[in-house]
Amino acid sequence: MSDLIVKYRKKIFGNDLKSAVIRITVFVLLVLFYIYCGCPIRWLLGLACPGCGMTRAAFSCLRLDFAAAWHFHPLIFLLPIFVLLLYLFRKNDKTVSIISVCFVVILFTVYIIRMSQGGDVVYFHPQDGIIYKIITLFNH
């Protein structure tokens, strides 16, 4: 059992203290960024990403509010199926690749449909992104 723990500790934190400190620092900074700024893609570009709303959908499912979950991201109900399939076929690289590609194609198809319909979850507001704000700051 301890060999397994050591193996995963090395996999996650690396073999030396410096590597572990760097990885933990990056992780903490990413968590803090997400807490204070939200989605990095939305923050930078003012553009919702294909997975936008998935976390809110998951929390809605936990509250048993399935209508809200569907509103935030309709693929939340397929996600457990894809994860289960990936787990079941984890030793077959070709099958894992096929499952992954199928999920990405479905994800982007749903994203395009959601972007074309507009709404409060998935939107394109580049003027809200930090990159747009920086560019306009230098243009004035």
Protein backbone atom coordinates (compact mmCIF):
# COMPACT_ATOMS: atom_id res chain seq x y z
CA MET A 1 0.00 0.00 0.00
CA SER A 2 2.78 2.46 0.88
CA ASP A 3 4.50 1.80 -2.47
CA LEU A 4 1.31 2.89 -4.23
CA ILE A 5 1.18 6.09 -2.16
CA VAL A 6 4.83 6.85 -2.91
CA LYS A 7 4.28 6.20 -6.62
CA TYR A 8 1.36 8.64 -6.84
CA ARG A 9 3.08 11.18 -4.59
CA LYS A 10 6.03 11.22 -6.99
CA LYS A 11 3.68 11.40 -9.97
CA ILE A 12 1.83 14.41 -8.55
CA PHE A 13 4.58 16.30 -6.73
CA GLY A 14 7.71 15.22 -8.58
CA ASN A 15 10.92 13.80 -7.19
CA ASP A 16 12.29 16.86 -5.43
CA LEU A 17 11.10 19.55 -3.04
CA LYS A 18 11.49 22.39 -5.56
CA SER A 19 9.22 20.64 -8.06
CA ALA A 20 6.62 19.97 -5.36
CA VAL A 21 6.64 23.59 -4.20
CA ILE A 22 6.26 24.86 -7.77
CA ARG A 23 3.36 22.48 -8.50
CA ILE A 24 1.55 23.30 -5.26
CA THR A 25 2.05 27.04 -5.83
CA VAL A 26 0.70 26.86 -9.36
CA PHE A 27 -2.29 24.85 -8.15
CA VAL A 28 -3.06 27.32 -5.36
CA LEU A 29 -2.73 30.28 -7.74
CA LEU A 30 -5.08 28.63 -10.24
CA VAL A 31 -7.65 27.94 -7.53
CA LEU A 32 -7.42 31.53 -6.25
CA PHE A 33 -7.68 32.87 -9.80
CA TYR A 34 -10.77 30.76 -10.43
CA ILE A 35 -12.37 31.84 -7.15
CA TYR A 36 -11.78 35.56 -7.70
CA CYS A 37 -11.90 35.88 -11.50
CA GLY A 38 -14.01 32.91 -12.59
CA CYS A 39 -13.36 31.16 -15.85
CA PRO A 40 -9.98 32.23 -17.28
CA ILE A 41 -11.24 32.08 -20.88
CA ARG A 42 -14.23 34.26 -20.09
CA TRP A 43 -12.00 36.63 -18.08
CA LEU A 44 -9.42 36.97 -20.86
CA LEU A 45 -11.62 36.94 -23.97
CA GLY A 46 -15.17 37.70 -22.85
CA LEU A 47 -16.12 34.44 -24.52
CA ALA A 48 -17.79 31.48 -22.89
CA CYS A 49 -15.93 28.22 -23.42
CA PRO A 50 -17.59 24.95 -24.54
CA GLY A 51 -17.70 23.69 -20.95
CA CYS A 52 -19.16 26.91 -19.62
CA GLY A 53 -21.91 26.22 -17.11
CA MET A 54 -20.80 22.66 -16.38
CA THR A 55 -19.84 23.40 -12.77
CA ARG A 56 -23.10 25.23 -12.12
CA ALA A 57 -24.96 22.35 -13.76
CA ALA A 58 -23.20 19.84 -11.50
CA PHE A 59 -24.12 21.84 -8.40
CA SER A 60 -27.71 22.08 -9.64
CA CYS A 61 -27.81 18.28 -9.99
CA LEU A 62 -26.56 17.95 -6.42
CA ARG A 63 -29.48 20.15 -5.34
CA LEU A 64 -31.76 17.92 -7.50
CA ASP A 65 -32.67 20.94 -9.64
CA PHE A 66 -32.42 19.17 -12.98
CA ALA A 67 -34.13 21.94 -14.96
CA ALA A 68 -31.46 24.40 -13.83
CA ALA A 69 -28.77 21.83 -14.61
CA TRP A 70 -30.12 21.48 -18.15
CA HIS A 71 -30.19 25.28 -18.47
CA PHE A 72 -26.56 25.64 -17.36
CA HIS A 73 -25.21 22.79 -19.52
CA PRO A 74 -27.26 20.02 -21.16
CA LEU A 75 -24.28 17.65 -21.40
CA ILE A 76 -24.10 17.32 -17.63
CA PHE A 77 -26.35 14.28 -17.96
CA LEU A 78 -24.08 12.59 -20.52
CA LEU A 79 -20.85 13.34 -18.68
CA PRO A 80 -21.15 10.45 -16.18
CA ILE A 81 -21.78 8.06 -19.07
CA PHE A 82 -18.65 9.23 -20.88
CA VAL A 83 -16.59 8.99 -17.68
CA LEU A 84 -17.88 5.47 -17.05
CA LEU A 85 -17.08 4.43 -20.64
CA LEU A 86 -13.57 5.87 -20.34
CA TYR A 87 -13.08 3.92 -17.11
CA LEU A 88 -14.42 0.67 -18.54
CA PHE A 89 -12.26 0.87 -21.67
CA ARG A 90 -9.20 2.52 -20.05
CA LYS A 91 -6.87 -0.26 -21.23
CA ASN A 92 -7.92 0.01 -24.87
CA ASP A 93 -6.26 3.16 -26.25
CA LYS A 94 -8.16 3.10 -29.53
CA THR A 95 -11.55 2.89 -27.82
CA VAL A 96 -10.60 5.64 -25.36
CA SER A 97 -9.60 7.83 -28.30
CA ILE A 98 -12.89 7.17 -30.08
CA ILE A 99 -14.91 7.93 -26.93
CA SER A 100 -12.91 11.12 -26.34
CA VAL A 101 -13.33 12.34 -29.90
CA CYS A 102 -17.07 11.62 -29.77
CA PHE A 103 -17.39 13.63 -26.55
CA VAL A 104 -15.42 16.57 -27.97
CA VAL A 105 -17.51 16.58 -31.17
CA ILE A 106 -20.74 16.50 -29.15
CA LEU A 107 -19.39 19.19 -26.79
CA PHE A 108 -18.53 21.57 -29.65
CA THR A 109 -21.80 20.85 -31.47
CA VAL A 110 -23.78 21.73 -28.35
CA TYR A 111 -21.52 24.78 -27.87
CA ILE A 112 -22.22 26.07 -31.38
CA ILE A 113 -25.96 25.55 -30.92
CA ARG A 114 -25.89 27.33 -27.55
CA MET A 115 -23.82 30.23 -28.93
CA SER A 116 -26.21 30.66 -31.87
CA GLN A 117 -29.20 30.81 -29.53
CA GLY A 118 -27.63 33.29 -27.13
CA GLY A 119 -28.58 33.43 -23.51
CA ASP A 120 -27.22 34.20 -20.09
CA VAL A 121 -24.91 31.20 -19.74
CA VAL A 122 -23.04 31.05 -23.05
CA TYR A 123 -22.33 34.38 -24.67
CA PHE A 124 -19.82 36.37 -26.70
CA HIS A 125 -19.02 39.72 -25.12
CA PRO A 126 -15.43 40.52 -26.07
CA GLN A 127 -15.76 43.98 -24.53
CA ASP A 128 -15.94 42.28 -21.12
CA GLY A 129 -12.61 40.48 -21.60
CA ILE A 130 -9.40 41.82 -20.13
CA ILE A 131 -7.59 41.57 -23.48
CA TYR A 132 -10.13 43.88 -25.13
CA LYS A 133 -9.84 46.32 -22.23
CA ILE A 134 -6.04 46.37 -22.48
CA ILE A 135 -6.17 46.91 -26.24
CA THR A 136 -8.64 49.78 -25.92
CA LEU A 137 -6.51 51.29 -23.14
CA PHE A 138 -3.49 51.44 -25.48
CA ASN A 139 -5.57 52.71 -28.43
CA HIS A 140 -6.71 55.83 -26.59
